[in-house]
Amino acid sequence: MSTQSAQDQQASTDAIEGAIVPTFFKYLVPSLVGLIAMTSASLVDGFFIGNYVGITALAAVNLIIPIMTILFGVGMMLSIGGSVRGGKYLGEGDVEAASAIFSKTLTSLAIYGFIVISLGLVFEEQIFAGLGATQELFPIMGEYYRIIMPFFFAQFAMIALYFFIRLDGLPNLAATSLAVGAAINVVLDYLFIAVYDWGLTGAAFATGISQTIPLLVMLYYFFWPKRRLKFSFGQKNWKEIFQAAYNGISEFINEISGGIIAFIFNWMMIQRGGIDGVAAITVVNYLLLLGFMVFFSISDTIQVMLSQNFGARQTKRIEDFLKTASWLILLVSGLFITALLTLSEPLILLFVDEQSGGKMVAMATELMAYVWPLFLFAGANMLISGYLTAIHLPFQSGMVALCRSLILPGGFLFLLYILLSDYRFVAALAVAEGVTFVIAFIIFLRHTPYKAVVAIDK
């Protein structure tokens, strides 16, 4: 590619040239729609399972979540790490290198998916036992697990394409794909669970199919004549995929830590509240998930903007994008805190009938009173972690992610579980987010946009 051609490609990128606020929202809105659509699959499943199958089935699905989260975490690490690296290449005008990391990311995910899905199905019972499930729950868990696992192959490909398609300037295609999947999931959940009464089998098929359809829609990207990223099997320097994965390690830590903390939570809630306890924390997690996905969408959008401006050495634009994202996170935090404090019980009743799950509803309402302070700090922590990933500081980003999602919540959970005999120990999550914010802010001050850009030019 000639120097002039590279400059033309660079100049055409909205992230580098466009007005700050309109460009930010141009990418944020589709990302928000897409990720909320992705999140809605879990919420819709929870609604139909809780209302039509029962709280035991709801608890059984929640027990499977840790292993699914860990597997998905590797996919996120490769996808985000690869796309951030690709964004830096595009910012530098090196489309060929961006295409190479795009190709290597997709190929690596295909190999990874085949291996982990095969092993996951072979060692099903050992996995269930390791997740802390009792023998009585094995058949219920297996009904969902055996169907949903093979669909992970499509999900891995879908998530990689989602990030790279957005990077190449087609956020609407990425968002539309996920929105179509979400709509199909609602329809299929209703048909398979509410109408045909297929129980968890129906829920698994509905989720799996709704994850495959977006992948088929995203394949349009390969027929788009103006796309910059080209796929090719003939690649060299495969060690780059490990370097890219390392840059996405904070996302991997977030996902795998979420699985570990979910496992710890499930064990603690089984000890204190039995199946009702697991079902209660499941419903609380559904409500928290929506807010966290909004924060993640903001952080994810920032990575697209910042990685390209970092490659183009545009310090002022990096700062302006960060300010815009920070104000939006403050607004979103306030809205979710208000909703959780004033509407917690009506929101919980969306997922379960009060008469059949009265004890669980009371328990979930109590838990909500201890976890809402999460929203005071979670958004800021995700933003800083995403910023550090975008400027290629994986160690620092990983440190923030590890503090907020594993080390601190795990430590505080065990401490408060020992000290308190009721359900107040769940406040450990909010305490962990607050302490993480102090650490994250200190790291940010040491790696401001100006310092980061100066460092790569040395």
Protein backbone atom coordinates (compact mmCIF):
# COMPACT_ATOMS: atom_id res chain seq x y z
CA MET A 1 0.00 0.00 0.00
CA SER A 2 1.33 3.46 -0.90
CA THR A 3 1.80 6.15 1.72
CA GLN A 4 -0.89 8.28 0.11
CA SER A 5 -3.34 5.38 0.10
CA ALA A 6 -2.68 4.78 3.77
CA GLN A 7 -3.29 8.44 4.53
CA ASP A 8 -6.56 8.36 2.60
CA GLN A 9 -7.72 5.37 4.62
CA GLN A 10 -6.74 7.12 7.83
CA ALA A 11 -8.46 10.38 6.92
CA SER A 12 -11.67 8.57 6.12
CA THR A 13 -12.04 7.19 9.63
CA ASP A 14 -14.71 8.97 11.69
CA ALA A 15 -12.96 8.09 14.93
CA ILE A 16 -9.97 10.19 13.90
CA GLU A 17 -11.65 13.00 11.97
CA GLY A 18 -15.27 13.29 13.15
CA ALA A 19 -16.75 15.66 15.73
CA ILE A 20 -16.35 14.18 19.23
CA VAL A 21 -19.91 13.92 20.58
CA PRO A 22 -21.69 12.97 17.31
CA THR A 23 -18.99 10.39 16.50
CA PHE A 24 -19.13 8.93 20.00
CA PHE A 25 -22.90 8.49 19.88
CA LYS A 26 -22.78 7.27 16.28
CA TYR A 27 -20.85 4.26 17.58
CA LEU A 28 -22.39 4.08 21.06
CA VAL A 29 -26.05 3.83 20.04
CA PRO A 30 -25.58 0.77 17.79
CA SER A 31 -23.25 -0.77 20.38
CA LEU A 32 -25.79 -0.16 23.12
CA VAL A 33 -28.61 -1.61 21.06
CA GLY A 34 -26.48 -4.60 20.10
CA LEU A 35 -25.14 -5.42 23.55
CA ILE A 36 -28.48 -4.91 25.27
CA ALA A 37 -29.96 -7.16 22.62
CA MET A 38 -27.29 -9.73 23.49
CA THR A 39 -27.99 -9.31 27.21
CA SER A 40 -31.72 -9.59 26.65
CA ALA A 41 -31.27 -13.25 25.74
CA SER A 42 -30.39 -14.00 29.37
CA LEU A 43 -33.13 -11.72 30.69
CA VAL A 44 -35.80 -13.17 28.42
CA ASP A 45 -34.68 -16.72 29.24
CA GLY A 46 -34.86 -15.87 32.92
CA PHE A 47 -38.35 -14.42 32.53
CA PHE A 48 -39.76 -17.47 30.75
CA ILE A 49 -37.88 -20.07 32.82
CA GLY A 50 -38.82 -18.41 36.12
CA ASN A 51 -42.47 -17.97 35.18
CA TYR A 52 -43.15 -21.14 33.18
CA VAL A 53 -40.62 -23.77 34.30
CA GLY A 54 -39.92 -22.87 37.94
CA ILE A 55 -37.29 -21.56 40.31
CA THR A 56 -35.48 -24.92 40.46
CA ALA A 57 -34.85 -24.73 36.71
CA LEU A 58 -33.80 -21.08 37.12
CA ALA A 59 -31.28 -22.13 39.77
CA ALA A 60 -30.03 -25.02 37.61
CA VAL A 61 -29.26 -22.69 34.69
CA ASN A 62 -27.49 -20.30 37.04
CA LEU A 63 -25.24 -23.11 38.27
CA ILE A 64 -24.07 -23.66 34.67
CA ILE A 65 -23.24 -19.98 34.12
CA PRO A 66 -19.71 -20.08 35.65
CA ILE A 67 -18.33 -22.59 33.13
CA MET A 68 -20.07 -20.85 30.22
CA THR A 69 -18.66 -17.51 31.39
CA ILE A 70 -15.13 -18.87 31.54
CA LEU A 71 -15.35 -20.31 28.02
CA PHE A 72 -16.84 -17.08 26.70
CA GLY A 73 -14.09 -15.11 28.45
CA VAL A 74 -11.39 -16.53 26.19
CA GLY A 75 -13.49 -15.60 23.17
CA MET A 76 -13.85 -12.05 24.46
CA MET A 77 -10.12 -11.82 25.17
CA LEU A 78 -9.20 -12.83 21.63
CA SER A 79 -11.91 -10.69 20.01
CA ILE A 80 -11.33 -7.47 21.93
CA GLY A 81 -7.56 -7.86 22.04
CA GLY A 82 -7.48 -8.50 18.30
CA SER A 83 -9.83 -5.63 17.45
CA VAL A 84 -7.92 -3.13 19.61
CA ARG A 85 -4.70 -4.16 17.89
CA GLY A 86 -6.46 -3.86 14.55
CA GLY A 87 -7.71 -0.40 15.53
CA LYS A 88 -4.17 0.77 16.21
CA TYR A 89 -3.08 -0.55 12.80
CA LEU A 90 -5.95 1.27 11.08
CA GLY A 91 -5.05 4.46 12.93
CA GLU A 92 -1.51 4.10 11.58
CA GLY A 93 -2.88 3.46 8.07
CA ASP A 94 -1.65 -0.16 7.93
CA VAL A 95 -4.73 -1.93 6.56
CA GLU A 96 -2.74 -5.05 5.64
CA ALA A 97 -1.65 -5.62 9.25
CA ALA A 98 -5.23 -4.98 10.46
CA SER A 99 -6.53 -7.61 8.02
CA ALA A 100 -3.90 -10.07 9.23
CA ILE A 101 -4.94 -9.81 12.89
CA PHE A 102 -8.58 -10.05 11.81
CA SER A 103 -7.87 -13.33 9.99
CA LYS A 104 -5.78 -14.79 12.81
CA THR A 105 -8.41 -13.91 15.41
CA LEU A 106 -11.22 -15.67 13.53
CA THR A 107 -9.10 -18.75 12.82
CA SER A 108 -7.92 -19.04 16.42
CA LEU A 109 -11.47 -18.79 17.73
CA ALA A 110 -12.63 -21.55 15.39
CA ILE A 111 -9.91 -23.90 16.68
CA TYR A 112 -10.55 -22.93 20.29
CA GLY A 113 -14.30 -23.45 19.91
CA PHE A 114 -13.92 -26.97 18.51
CA ILE A 115 -11.62 -28.02 21.36
CA VAL A 116 -13.51 -26.61 24.34
CA ILE A 117 -16.96 -27.65 23.12
CA SER A 118 -15.77 -31.23 22.59
CA LEU A 119 -14.12 -31.41 26.01
CA GLY A 120 -17.09 -29.72 27.68
CA LEU A 121 -19.49 -32.36 26.40
CA VAL A 122 -17.20 -35.30 27.22
CA PHE A 123 -16.65 -34.21 30.83
CA GLU A 124 -20.19 -33.00 31.53
CA GLU A 125 -20.78 -34.75 34.88
CA GLN A 126 -17.35 -33.83 36.24
CA ILE A 127 -18.04 -30.20 35.38
CA PHE A 128 -21.44 -30.26 37.09
CA ALA A 129 -19.90 -31.77 40.22
CA GLY A 130 -17.15 -29.16 40.18
CA LEU A 131 -19.77 -26.42 39.99
CA GLY A 132 -21.19 -27.60 43.30
CA ALA A 133 -24.42 -29.11 41.95
CA THR A 134 -26.06 -32.06 43.68
CA GLN A 135 -26.80 -35.30 41.82
CA GLU A 136 -30.51 -34.42 41.80
CA LEU A 137 -29.78 -31.31 39.70
CA PHE A 138 -27.60 -33.12 37.12
CA PRO A 139 -30.50 -34.15 34.81
CA ILE A 140 -32.02 -30.66 34.90
CA MET A 141 -28.69 -28.99 34.17
CA GLY A 142 -27.85 -31.53 31.46
CA GLU A 143 -31.11 -30.85 29.65
CA TYR A 144 -29.98 -27.27 29.02
CA TYR A 145 -26.21 -27.79 28.85
CA ARG A 146 -26.04 -30.47 26.13
CA ILE A 147 -28.05 -28.33 23.73
CA ILE A 148 -26.48 -24.94 24.38
CA MET A 149 -22.83 -26.03 24.25
CA PRO A 150 -22.58 -26.76 20.49
CA PHE A 151 -24.05 -23.34 19.75
CA PHE A 152 -21.01 -21.74 21.41
CA PHE A 153 -19.13 -22.25 18.15
CA ALA A 154 -21.44 -19.75 16.44
CA GLN A 155 -21.28 -17.42 19.42
CA PHE A 156 -17.47 -17.24 19.31
CA ALA A 157 -17.51 -16.35 15.60
CA MET A 158 -20.32 -13.85 16.15
CA ILE A 159 -18.56 -11.94 18.94
CA ALA A 160 -15.33 -11.65 16.93
CA LEU A 161 -17.14 -10.37 13.85
CA TYR A 162 -19.12 -7.95 16.00
CA PHE A 163 -16.01 -6.14 17.23
CA PHE A 164 -14.19 -6.09 13.90
CA ILE A 165 -17.23 -5.02 11.88
CA ARG A 166 -17.70 -2.05 14.20
CA LEU A 167 -14.02 -1.25 13.92
CA ASP A 168 -14.32 -1.10 10.13
CA GLY A 169 -17.09 1.51 10.30
CA LEU A 170 -20.26 -0.61 10.19
CA PRO A 171 -21.65 -0.31 13.73
CA ASN A 172 -25.23 -0.43 12.45
CA LEU A 173 -24.72 -3.83 10.81
CA ALA A 174 -23.23 -5.22 14.04
CA ALA A 175 -26.07 -3.82 16.15
CA THR A 176 -28.79 -4.88 13.73
CA SER A 177 -27.47 -8.44 13.75
CA LEU A 178 -27.72 -8.69 17.53
CA ALA A 179 -31.11 -6.97 17.59
CA VAL A 180 -32.47 -9.51 15.10
CA GLY A 181 -31.14 -12.31 17.31
CA ALA A 182 -32.78 -10.78 20.39
CA ALA A 183 -36.16 -10.50 18.65
CA ILE A 184 -35.94 -14.11 17.48
CA ASN A 185 -35.05 -15.21 21.02
CA VAL A 186 -38.20 -13.61 22.44
CA VAL A 187 -40.40 -15.29 19.85
CA LEU A 188 -38.75 -18.70 20.21
CA ASP A 189 -38.76 -18.56 24.03
CA TYR A 190 -42.46 -17.84 23.95
CA LEU A 191 -43.18 -20.64 21.48
CA PHE A 192 -40.85 -23.28 22.90
CA ILE A 193 -41.47 -22.62 26.62
CA ALA A 194 -44.87 -20.94 27.02
CA VAL A 195 -46.74 -22.53 24.10
CA TYR A 196 -45.12 -25.95 23.49
CA ASP A 197 -43.97 -26.46 27.11
CA TRP A 198 -40.52 -27.78 26.18
CA GLY A 199 -39.01 -26.45 29.42
CA LEU A 200 -35.25 -26.03 29.53
CA THR A 201 -34.89 -27.84 26.23
CA GLY A 202 -36.92 -25.09 24.60
CA ALA A 203 -34.93 -22.38 26.38
CA ALA A 204 -31.64 -23.85 25.18
CA PHE A 205 -32.79 -24.17 21.56
CA ALA A 206 -34.24 -20.65 21.61
CA THR A 207 -30.98 -19.18 22.89
CA GLY A 208 -28.80 -21.22 20.55
CA ILE A 209 -30.78 -20.39 17.43
CA SER A 210 -30.95 -16.71 18.38
CA GLN A 211 -27.14 -16.68 18.65
CA THR A 212 -26.69 -18.32 15.25
CA ILE A 213 -28.96 -15.99 13.27
CA PRO A 214 -26.88 -12.83 14.04
CA LEU A 215 -23.80 -14.63 12.73
CA LEU A 216 -25.58 -15.26 9.44
CA VAL A 217 -26.57 -11.59 9.21
CA MET A 218 -23.00 -10.47 9.94
CA LEU A 219 -21.71 -12.53 7.03
CA TYR A 220 -23.00 -9.71 4.81
CA TYR A 221 -19.80 -7.90 5.82
CA PHE A 222 -17.77 -10.20 3.58
CA PHE A 223 -19.80 -9.01 0.59
CA TRP A 224 -19.51 -5.31 1.42
CA PRO A 225 -17.34 -3.80 -1.36
CA LYS A 226 -15.88 -1.00 0.80
CA ARG A 227 -14.66 -3.18 3.67
CA ARG A 228 -11.03 -2.72 4.59
CA LEU A 229 -10.48 -5.94 6.53
CA LYS A 230 -9.86 -8.97 4.32
CA PHE A 231 -9.85 -12.57 5.58
CA SER A 232 -7.10 -14.97 4.53
CA PHE A 233 -5.91 -18.33 5.86
CA GLY A 234 -2.33 -17.79 4.70
CA GLN A 235 -0.95 -15.92 7.70
CA LYS A 236 2.47 -15.63 9.30
CA ASN A 237 3.67 -14.45 12.70
CA TRP A 238 1.06 -16.39 14.66
CA LYS A 239 2.64 -15.32 17.93
CA GLU A 240 0.88 -11.99 17.34
CA ILE A 241 -2.40 -13.62 18.34
CA PHE A 242 -0.96 -14.22 21.80
CA GLN A 243 0.21 -10.62 21.98
CA ALA A 244 -3.26 -9.44 20.96
CA ALA A 245 -4.88 -11.80 23.47
CA TYR A 246 -2.65 -10.36 26.18
CA ASN A 247 -3.93 -6.91 25.33
CA GLY A 248 -7.47 -8.20 25.84
CA ILE A 249 -6.60 -9.87 29.11
CA SER A 250 -8.66 -7.45 31.20
CA GLU A 251 -11.82 -8.62 29.42
CA PHE A 252 -10.78 -12.24 29.95
CA ILE A 253 -10.21 -11.52 33.63
CA ASN A 254 -13.62 -9.85 33.88
CA GLU A 255 -15.36 -12.85 32.31
CA ILE A 256 -13.47 -15.64 34.07
CA SER A 257 -13.59 -13.81 37.39
CA GLY A 258 -17.32 -13.35 36.94
CA GLY A 259 -17.58 -17.12 36.59
CA ILE A 260 -15.49 -17.74 39.69
CA ILE A 261 -17.40 -15.20 41.78
CA ALA A 262 -20.69 -16.67 40.52
CA PHE A 263 -19.47 -20.09 41.67
CA ILE A 264 -18.56 -18.70 45.11
CA PHE A 265 -21.88 -16.88 45.32
CA ASN A 266 -23.84 -19.99 44.37
CA TRP A 267 -22.07 -22.04 47.03
CA MET A 268 -22.67 -19.40 49.71
CA MET A 269 -26.31 -18.93 48.77
CA ILE A 270 -26.93 -22.69 48.75
CA GLN A 271 -25.50 -22.86 52.27
CA ARG A 272 -27.58 -19.94 53.54
CA GLY A 273 -30.78 -20.17 51.49
CA GLY A 274 -30.86 -23.43 49.51
CA ILE A 275 -32.38 -23.45 46.01
CA ASP A 276 -34.35 -20.29 46.87
CA GLY A 277 -31.06 -18.55 47.64
CA VAL A 278 -29.53 -19.49 44.28
CA ALA A 279 -32.70 -18.41 42.47
CA ALA A 280 -32.70 -15.08 44.36
CA ILE A 281 -29.12 -14.21 43.43
CA THR A 282 -29.91 -15.28 39.85
CA VAL A 283 -32.70 -12.69 39.60
CA VAL A 284 -30.52 -10.00 41.19
CA ASN A 285 -27.80 -10.79 38.66
CA TYR A 286 -30.28 -10.36 35.81
CA LEU A 287 -31.10 -6.85 37.02
CA LEU A 288 -27.46 -5.92 37.52
CA LEU A 289 -26.53 -7.35 34.13
CA LEU A 290 -28.53 -4.78 32.20
CA GLY A 291 -26.79 -1.87 33.91
CA PHE A 292 -23.38 -3.45 33.53
CA MET A 293 -23.98 -3.98 29.82
CA VAL A 294 -24.65 -0.26 29.41
CA PHE A 295 -21.34 0.49 31.14
CA PHE A 296 -19.58 -2.13 29.05
CA SER A 297 -21.07 -0.64 25.88
CA ILE A 298 -19.65 2.78 26.79
CA SER A 299 -16.24 1.26 27.56
CA ASP A 300 -16.37 -0.81 24.38
CA THR A 301 -17.19 2.25 22.25
CA ILE A 302 -14.34 4.16 23.86
CA GLN A 303 -11.92 1.41 22.86
CA VAL A 304 -12.92 1.78 19.20
CA MET A 305 -12.41 5.55 19.39
CA LEU A 306 -9.27 5.60 21.50
CA SER A 307 -7.31 2.77 19.88
CA GLN A 308 -7.39 4.55 16.50
CA ASN A 309 -6.60 7.98 17.95
CA PHE A 310 -3.80 6.40 19.97
CA GLY A 311 -2.33 5.02 16.75
CA ALA A 312 -2.75 8.46 15.14
CA ARG A 313 -1.14 10.18 18.21
CA GLN A 314 -4.13 12.50 18.77
CA THR A 315 -3.96 13.26 22.49
CA LYS A 316 -6.65 15.95 22.59
CA ARG A 317 -9.24 13.71 20.93
CA ILE A 318 -8.50 10.93 23.39
CA GLU A 319 -9.12 13.34 26.28
CA ASP A 320 -12.35 14.66 24.74
CA PHE A 321 -13.75 11.17 24.15
CA LEU A 322 -12.94 10.25 27.76
CA LYS A 323 -14.75 13.34 29.09
CA THR A 324 -17.84 12.56 27.02
CA ALA A 325 -17.91 8.96 28.25
CA SER A 326 -17.39 10.02 31.88
CA TRP A 327 -20.40 12.36 31.90
CA LEU A 328 -22.57 9.70 30.34
CA ILE A 329 -21.51 7.13 32.94
CA LEU A 330 -22.45 9.51 35.74
CA LEU A 331 -25.91 9.96 34.24
CA VAL A 332 -26.46 6.22 33.72
CA SER A 333 -25.28 5.42 37.26
CA GLY A 334 -27.80 7.84 38.71
CA LEU A 335 -30.65 6.39 36.67
CA PHE A 336 -29.93 2.78 37.65
CA ILE A 337 -29.45 3.59 41.33
CA THR A 338 -32.79 5.40 41.36
CA ALA A 339 -34.53 2.46 39.66
CA LEU A 340 -33.06 -0.15 42.02
CA LEU A 341 -33.96 1.86 45.12
CA THR A 342 -37.54 2.62 44.09
CA LEU A 343 -38.59 -0.31 41.88
CA SER A 344 -36.64 -3.30 43.16
CA GLU A 345 -39.62 -5.52 44.05
CA PRO A 346 -41.63 -4.88 40.84
CA LEU A 347 -38.48 -5.59 38.82
CA ILE A 348 -37.88 -8.86 40.68
CA LEU A 349 -41.50 -9.94 40.13
CA LEU A 350 -40.87 -9.83 36.38
CA PHE A 351 -38.92 -13.07 36.75
CA VAL A 352 -41.04 -15.05 39.18
CA ASP A 353 -44.60 -15.34 40.42
CA GLU A 354 -44.92 -13.96 43.96
CA GLN A 355 -47.23 -16.75 45.11
CA SER A 356 -44.97 -19.59 43.96
CA GLY A 357 -41.74 -17.88 44.94
CA GLY A 358 -42.67 -15.60 47.83
CA LYS A 359 -39.64 -16.55 49.93
CA MET A 360 -37.31 -16.05 46.99
CA VAL A 361 -38.82 -12.63 46.18
CA ALA A 362 -38.28 -11.44 49.76
CA MET A 363 -34.73 -12.74 49.69
CA ALA A 364 -33.94 -11.08 46.34
CA THR A 365 -35.39 -7.77 47.56
CA GLU A 366 -33.13 -7.91 50.61
CA LEU A 367 -30.08 -8.70 48.46
CA MET A 368 -30.83 -5.75 46.20
CA ALA A 369 -30.57 -3.38 49.16
CA TYR A 370 -26.96 -4.51 49.66
CA VAL A 371 -25.73 -4.48 46.06
CA TRP A 372 -27.07 -1.22 44.55
CA PRO A 373 -23.93 0.79 45.61
CA LEU A 374 -22.11 -1.18 42.90
CA PHE A 375 -23.35 1.43 40.45
CA LEU A 376 -21.46 4.20 42.24
CA PHE A 377 -18.14 2.90 40.96
CA ALA A 378 -18.58 0.08 38.42
CA GLY A 379 -19.00 2.32 35.39
CA ALA A 380 -15.88 4.37 36.15
CA ASN A 381 -13.84 1.22 36.74
CA MET A 382 -14.93 -0.28 33.40
CA LEU A 383 -14.15 2.99 31.60
CA ILE A 384 -10.63 3.20 33.01
CA SER A 385 -9.98 -0.47 32.26
CA GLY A 386 -11.21 0.01 28.67
CA TYR A 387 -9.04 3.10 28.27
CA LEU A 388 -5.94 1.23 29.43
CA THR A 389 -6.69 -1.58 26.98
CA ALA A 390 -7.11 0.91 24.13
CA ILE A 391 -3.70 2.51 24.77
CA HIS A 392 -2.05 -0.93 24.91
CA LEU A 393 -1.40 -1.20 28.64
CA PRO A 394 -2.70 -4.74 29.21
CA PHE A 395 -0.93 -5.24 32.54
CA GLN A 396 -2.48 -2.13 34.09
CA SER A 397 -5.87 -2.86 32.55
CA GLY A 398 -5.67 -6.44 33.79
CA MET A 399 -4.79 -5.21 37.26
CA VAL A 400 -7.94 -3.07 37.42
CA ALA A 401 -10.05 -5.93 36.08
CA LEU A 402 -8.52 -8.42 38.51
CA CYS A 403 -9.13 -6.12 41.48
CA ARG A 404 -12.78 -5.38 40.65
CA SER A 405 -13.84 -8.81 39.49
CA LEU A 406 -11.87 -11.39 41.49
CA ILE A 407 -9.30 -10.50 44.15
CA LEU A 408 -11.22 -7.85 46.08
CA PRO A 409 -14.78 -9.24 45.72
CA GLY A 410 -13.53 -12.76 46.51
CA GLY A 411 -11.59 -11.59 49.56
CA PHE A 412 -14.37 -9.38 50.91
CA LEU A 413 -16.98 -12.08 50.25
CA PHE A 414 -15.17 -14.65 52.36
CA LEU A 415 -14.45 -12.10 55.08
CA LEU A 416 -18.02 -10.86 55.39
CA TYR A 417 -19.45 -14.38 55.01
CA ILE A 418 -17.47 -15.41 58.07
CA LEU A 419 -18.25 -12.26 60.07
CA LEU A 420 -21.98 -11.97 59.24
CA SER A 421 -24.59 -14.67 59.70
CA ASP A 422 -27.21 -13.21 57.34
CA TYR A 423 -27.20 -12.03 53.71
CA ARG A 424 -25.33 -8.77 54.28
CA PHE A 425 -22.14 -10.43 53.05
CA VAL A 426 -23.21 -9.63 49.46
CA ALA A 427 -22.30 -5.99 50.18
CA ALA A 428 -18.74 -7.21 49.58
CA LEU A 429 -19.24 -6.57 45.86
CA ALA A 430 -19.95 -2.87 46.36
CA VAL A 431 -17.02 -2.51 48.77
CA ALA A 432 -14.73 -4.16 46.22
CA GLU A 433 -15.84 -1.75 43.47
CA GLY A 434 -15.16 1.24 45.73
CA VAL A 435 -11.64 0.12 46.63
CA THR A 436 -10.95 -0.74 42.98
CA PHE A 437 -11.93 2.78 41.94
CA VAL A 438 -9.20 4.25 44.15
CA ILE A 439 -6.62 1.91 42.60
CA ALA A 440 -7.88 2.50 39.04
CA PHE A 441 -7.83 6.29 39.39
CA ILE A 442 -4.24 6.23 40.65
CA ILE A 443 -3.22 4.10 37.65
CA PHE A 444 -5.03 6.49 35.30
CA LEU A 445 -3.15 9.50 36.71
CA ARG A 446 0.12 7.71 35.94
CA HIS A 447 -0.96 6.99 32.36
CA THR A 448 -2.93 10.01 31.17
CA PRO A 449 -3.44 10.38 27.40
CA TYR A 450 -0.56 12.83 27.10
CA LYS A 451 1.85 10.56 28.95
CA ALA A 452 0.71 7.52 26.95
CA VAL A 453 1.23 9.18 23.56
CA VAL A 454 4.61 10.58 24.58
CA ALA A 455 5.67 7.11 25.75
CA ILE A 456 5.05 5.40 22.38
CA ASP A 457 7.03 8.08 20.53
CA LYS A 458 10.14 7.55 22.63
